[in-house]
Amino acid sequence: MAKTVKESFEEQLKQIPLDFILPPRVREDLQRKGIGAAMHDDNRESPRFRTNGPAIFTWDSSPAAINNPRVARQVIVRDLSKTGIGILTSCQWFPEEVGKLQFAIGDMVVKIMRARRLGPRCFEIGARIIRYNRYQDSQR
């Protein structure tokens, strides 16, 4: 059954292709794996692990002032920790917006904490993980 979910997720990725080009410096950074180095003023609760896996990001809600529904997008997960996640996407998001990330093995609800432009149609989003749901065999 796990194979069915993975195939279904792979089919969804094909239907929502990446719609941005990574700047060269970001592309090089995605090649690195393992624990990310802490920054001087880094106040994170747990270490970050670098990755470069795909996910599907969908909009859930925004504060009333920026209520702006968005279409589903394929994103690249840049790093992950126990409490947060960094993603690369083509769409600008804003702090306090809530979205859902879908993976082959589960999904998570996240709250946007920061966003910055890295290049044309390329944004880095930092989000706090609100909830993670790992799919059970019956969901596969």
C-alpha atoms as a PDB file:
ATOM      1  CA  MET A   1       0.000   0.000   0.000  1.00  0.00           C
ATOM      2  CA  ALA A   2       2.867   2.421   0.707  1.00  0.00           C
ATOM      3  CA  LYS A   3       3.824   2.172  -2.952  1.00  0.00           C
ATOM      4  CA  THR A   4       0.345   3.397  -3.960  1.00  0.00           C
ATOM      5  CA  VAL A   5       0.637   6.570  -1.855  1.00  0.00           C
ATOM      6  CA  LYS A   6       4.123   7.279  -3.180  1.00  0.00           C
ATOM      7  CA  GLU A   7       2.895   6.828  -6.760  1.00  0.00           C
ATOM      8  CA  SER A   8      -0.089   9.077  -6.062  1.00  0.00           C
ATOM      9  CA  PHE A   9       2.185  11.766  -4.604  1.00  0.00           C
ATOM     10  CA  GLU A  10       4.566  11.434  -7.570  1.00  0.00           C
ATOM     11  CA  GLU A  11       1.609  11.862  -9.951  1.00  0.00           C
ATOM     12  CA  GLN A  12       0.535  15.012  -8.104  1.00  0.00           C
ATOM     13  CA  LEU A  13       4.068  16.412  -8.377  1.00  0.00           C
ATOM     14  CA  LYS A  14       3.947  15.854 -12.148  1.00  0.00           C
ATOM     15  CA  GLN A  15       0.682  17.809 -12.339  1.00  0.00           C
ATOM     16  CA  ILE A  16       2.143  20.731 -10.353  1.00  0.00           C
ATOM     17  CA  PRO A  17       5.627  21.273 -11.816  1.00  0.00           C
ATOM     18  CA  LEU A  18       8.152  23.594 -10.217  1.00  0.00           C
ATOM     19  CA  ASP A  19       7.559  27.072 -11.602  1.00  0.00           C
ATOM     20  CA  PHE A  20      10.706  28.871 -10.519  1.00  0.00           C
ATOM     21  CA  ILE A  21      14.421  28.844 -11.206  1.00  0.00           C
ATOM     22  CA  LEU A  22      16.832  28.616  -8.320  1.00  0.00           C
ATOM     23  CA  PRO A  23      19.593  31.214  -8.175  1.00  0.00           C
ATOM     24  CA  PRO A  24      23.018  29.516  -8.597  1.00  0.00           C
ATOM     25  CA  ARG A  25      24.086  30.137  -4.976  1.00  0.00           C
ATOM     26  CA  VAL A  26      20.888  28.500  -3.694  1.00  0.00           C
ATOM     27  CA  ARG A  27      21.281  25.534  -6.058  1.00  0.00           C
ATOM     28  CA  GLU A  28      24.797  24.958  -4.687  1.00  0.00           C
ATOM     29  CA  ASP A  29      23.551  25.225  -1.103  1.00  0.00           C
ATOM     30  CA  LEU A  30      20.907  22.535  -1.744  1.00  0.00           C
ATOM     31  CA  GLN A  31      23.690  20.039  -2.479  1.00  0.00           C
ATOM     32  CA  ARG A  32      24.800  20.142   1.163  1.00  0.00           C
ATOM     33  CA  LYS A  33      23.173  17.686   3.582  1.00  0.00           C
ATOM     34  CA  GLY A  34      23.256  17.146   7.329  1.00  0.00           C
ATOM     35  CA  ILE A  35      23.054  19.490  10.288  1.00  0.00           C
ATOM     36  CA  GLY A  36      23.103  23.166   9.338  1.00  0.00           C
ATOM     37  CA  ALA A  37      25.555  25.517  11.018  1.00  0.00           C
ATOM     38  CA  ALA A  38      24.080  27.829  13.651  1.00  0.00           C
ATOM     39  CA  MET A  39      24.181  31.563  12.992  1.00  0.00           C
ATOM     40  CA  HIS A  40      25.542  34.071  15.513  1.00  0.00           C
ATOM     41  CA  ASP A  41      22.087  35.418  16.434  1.00  0.00           C
ATOM     42  CA  ASP A  42      20.200  32.151  15.830  1.00  0.00           C
ATOM     43  CA  ASN A  43      17.551  31.623  18.515  1.00  0.00           C
ATOM     44  CA  ARG A  44      16.288  28.272  17.278  1.00  0.00           C
ATOM     45  CA  GLU A  45      15.040  25.654  19.711  1.00  0.00           C
ATOM     46  CA  SER A  46      16.547  22.705  17.827  1.00  0.00           C
ATOM     47  CA  PRO A  47      19.121  22.095  15.067  1.00  0.00           C
ATOM     48  CA  ARG A  48      18.245  22.352  11.385  1.00  0.00           C
ATOM     49  CA  PHE A  49      18.832  19.507   8.949  1.00  0.00           C
ATOM     50  CA  ARG A  50      19.484  20.432   5.324  1.00  0.00           C
ATOM     51  CA  THR A  51      17.513  18.618   2.648  1.00  0.00           C
ATOM     52  CA  ASN A  52      16.099  19.245  -0.824  1.00  0.00           C
ATOM     53  CA  GLY A  53      12.929  17.163  -1.053  1.00  0.00           C
ATOM     54  CA  PRO A  54       9.700  18.014  -2.875  1.00  0.00           C
ATOM     55  CA  ALA A  55       6.386  18.876  -1.244  1.00  0.00           C
ATOM     56  CA  ILE A  56       3.060  20.315  -2.335  1.00  0.00           C
ATOM     57  CA  PHE A  57       2.168  23.562  -0.564  1.00  0.00           C
ATOM     58  CA  THR A  58      -1.432  24.724  -0.323  1.00  0.00           C
ATOM     59  CA  TRP A  59      -2.918  27.808   1.279  1.00  0.00           C
ATOM     60  CA  ASP A  60      -5.124  27.395   4.335  1.00  0.00           C
ATOM     61  CA  SER A  61      -5.752  30.859   5.811  1.00  0.00           C
ATOM     62  CA  SER A  62      -4.423  34.386   6.270  1.00  0.00           C
ATOM     63  CA  PRO A  63      -5.121  37.285   8.591  1.00  0.00           C
ATOM     64  CA  ALA A  64      -8.065  39.297   7.282  1.00  0.00           C
ATOM     65  CA  ALA A  65      -5.784  42.107   6.068  1.00  0.00           C
ATOM     66  CA  ILE A  66      -3.998  39.794   3.618  1.00  0.00           C
ATOM     67  CA  ASN A  67      -6.702  37.260   2.848  1.00  0.00           C
ATOM     68  CA  ASN A  68      -5.313  36.036  -0.462  1.00  0.00           C
ATOM     69  CA  PRO A  69      -6.093  32.421  -1.464  1.00  0.00           C
ATOM     70  CA  ARG A  70      -3.395  30.739  -3.564  1.00  0.00           C
ATOM     71  CA  VAL A  71      -3.225  27.746  -5.855  1.00  0.00           C
ATOM     72  CA  ALA A  72      -1.264  24.623  -4.900  1.00  0.00           C
ATOM     73  CA  ARG A  73       2.440  24.811  -5.706  1.00  0.00           C
ATOM     74  CA  GLN A  74       5.272  22.338  -5.747  1.00  0.00           C
ATOM     75  CA  VAL A  75       8.005  23.529  -3.397  1.00  0.00           C
ATOM     76  CA  ILE A  76      11.457  22.396  -2.326  1.00  0.00           C
ATOM     77  CA  VAL A  77      12.029  21.729   1.355  1.00  0.00           C
ATOM     78  CA  ARG A  78      15.341  23.410   2.120  1.00  0.00           C
ATOM     79  CA  ASP A  79      15.734  22.505   5.784  1.00  0.00           C
ATOM     80  CA  LEU A  80      13.796  20.988   8.624  1.00  0.00           C
ATOM     81  CA  SER A  81      13.956  20.971  12.421  1.00  0.00           C
ATOM     82  CA  LYS A  82      11.766  19.674  15.214  1.00  0.00           C
ATOM     83  CA  THR A  83       9.758  22.909  15.282  1.00  0.00           C
ATOM     84  CA  GLY A  84      10.264  24.584  11.899  1.00  0.00           C
ATOM     85  CA  ILE A  85      10.752  24.156   8.188  1.00  0.00           C
ATOM     86  CA  GLY A  86      12.332  26.193   5.389  1.00  0.00           C
ATOM     87  CA  ILE A  87      10.940  25.959   1.871  1.00  0.00           C
ATOM     88  CA  LEU A  88      11.641  27.465  -1.538  1.00  0.00           C
ATOM     89  CA  THR A  89       8.668  28.530  -3.646  1.00  0.00           C
ATOM     90  CA  SER A  90       7.710  30.789  -6.531  1.00  0.00           C
ATOM     91  CA  CYS A  91       5.003  32.602  -4.577  1.00  0.00           C
ATOM     92  CA  GLN A  92       5.483  35.260  -1.915  1.00  0.00           C
ATOM     93  CA  TRP A  93       3.885  34.418   1.423  1.00  0.00           C
ATOM     94  CA  PHE A  94       3.548  36.650   4.463  1.00  0.00           C
ATOM     95  CA  PRO A  95       3.951  36.153   8.225  1.00  0.00           C
ATOM     96  CA  GLU A  96       0.883  34.755   9.981  1.00  0.00           C
ATOM     97  CA  GLU A  97      -0.429  32.951   6.884  1.00  0.00           C
ATOM     98  CA  VAL A  98      -1.151  29.260   7.392  1.00  0.00           C
ATOM     99  CA  GLY A  99      -0.512  26.568   4.814  1.00  0.00           C
ATOM    100  CA  LYS A 100      -0.367  22.813   4.416  1.00  0.00           C
ATOM    101  CA  LEU A 101       2.605  20.840   3.124  1.00  0.00           C
ATOM    102  CA  GLN A 102       1.934  17.420   1.648  1.00  0.00           C
ATOM    103  CA  PHE A 103       4.651  14.765   1.423  1.00  0.00           C
ATOM    104  CA  ALA A 104       4.579  11.146   0.277  1.00  0.00           C
ATOM    105  CA  ILE A 105       4.528   9.942   3.913  1.00  0.00           C
ATOM    106  CA  GLY A 106       2.359  12.582   5.588  1.00  0.00           C
ATOM    107  CA  ASP A 107       1.346  16.205   5.758  1.00  0.00           C
ATOM    108  CA  MET A 108       1.922  19.158   8.030  1.00  0.00           C
ATOM    109  CA  VAL A 109       0.219  22.422   8.831  1.00  0.00           C
ATOM    110  CA  VAL A 110       2.619  25.358   9.102  1.00  0.00           C
ATOM    111  CA  LYS A 111       2.450  29.028  10.075  1.00  0.00           C
ATOM    112  CA  ILE A 112       4.621  31.409   8.072  1.00  0.00           C
ATOM    113  CA  MET A 113       7.122  33.252  10.252  1.00  0.00           C
ATOM    114  CA  ARG A 114       9.312  34.950   7.634  1.00  0.00           C
ATOM    115  CA  ALA A 115       9.762  35.258   3.895  1.00  0.00           C
ATOM    116  CA  ARG A 116      12.375  36.787   1.635  1.00  0.00           C
ATOM    117  CA  ARG A 117      12.989  37.080  -2.090  1.00  0.00           C
ATOM    118  CA  LEU A 118      16.013  35.148  -3.375  1.00  0.00           C
ATOM    119  CA  GLY A 119      15.556  35.887  -7.070  1.00  0.00           C
ATOM    120  CA  PRO A 120      12.907  36.340  -9.760  1.00  0.00           C
ATOM    121  CA  ARG A 121       9.869  34.313  -8.661  1.00  0.00           C
ATOM    122  CA  CYS A 122      11.967  32.559  -5.995  1.00  0.00           C
ATOM    123  CA  PHE A 123      11.198  33.030  -2.312  1.00  0.00           C
ATOM    124  CA  GLU A 124      12.535  31.411   0.829  1.00  0.00           C
ATOM    125  CA  ILE A 125       9.839  30.829   3.436  1.00  0.00           C
ATOM    126  CA  GLY A 126      10.472  30.007   7.102  1.00  0.00           C
ATOM    127  CA  ALA A 127       7.562  28.416   8.929  1.00  0.00           C
ATOM    128  CA  ARG A 128       6.749  27.009  12.340  1.00  0.00           C
ATOM    129  CA  ILE A 129       5.295  23.501  12.332  1.00  0.00           C
ATOM    130  CA  ILE A 130       1.846  23.530  13.904  1.00  0.00           C
ATOM    131  CA  ARG A 131       0.946  19.888  13.310  1.00  0.00           C
ATOM    132  CA  TYR A 132       2.433  16.873  11.545  1.00  0.00           C
ATOM    133  CA  ASN A 133       0.346  13.896  10.486  1.00  0.00           C
ATOM    134  CA  ARG A 134       2.175  10.765   9.349  1.00  0.00           C
ATOM    135  CA  TYR A 135      -0.009   8.608   7.135  1.00  0.00           C
ATOM    136  CA  GLN A 136      -0.954   5.224   8.542  1.00  0.00           C
ATOM    137  CA  ASP A 137      -1.140   2.095   6.396  1.00  0.00           C
ATOM    138  CA  SER A 138      -4.936   2.488   6.253  1.00  0.00           C
ATOM    139  CA  GLN A 139      -4.478   5.983   4.731  1.00  0.00           C
ATOM    140  CA  ARG A 140      -2.118   4.645   2.074  1.00  0.00           C
END
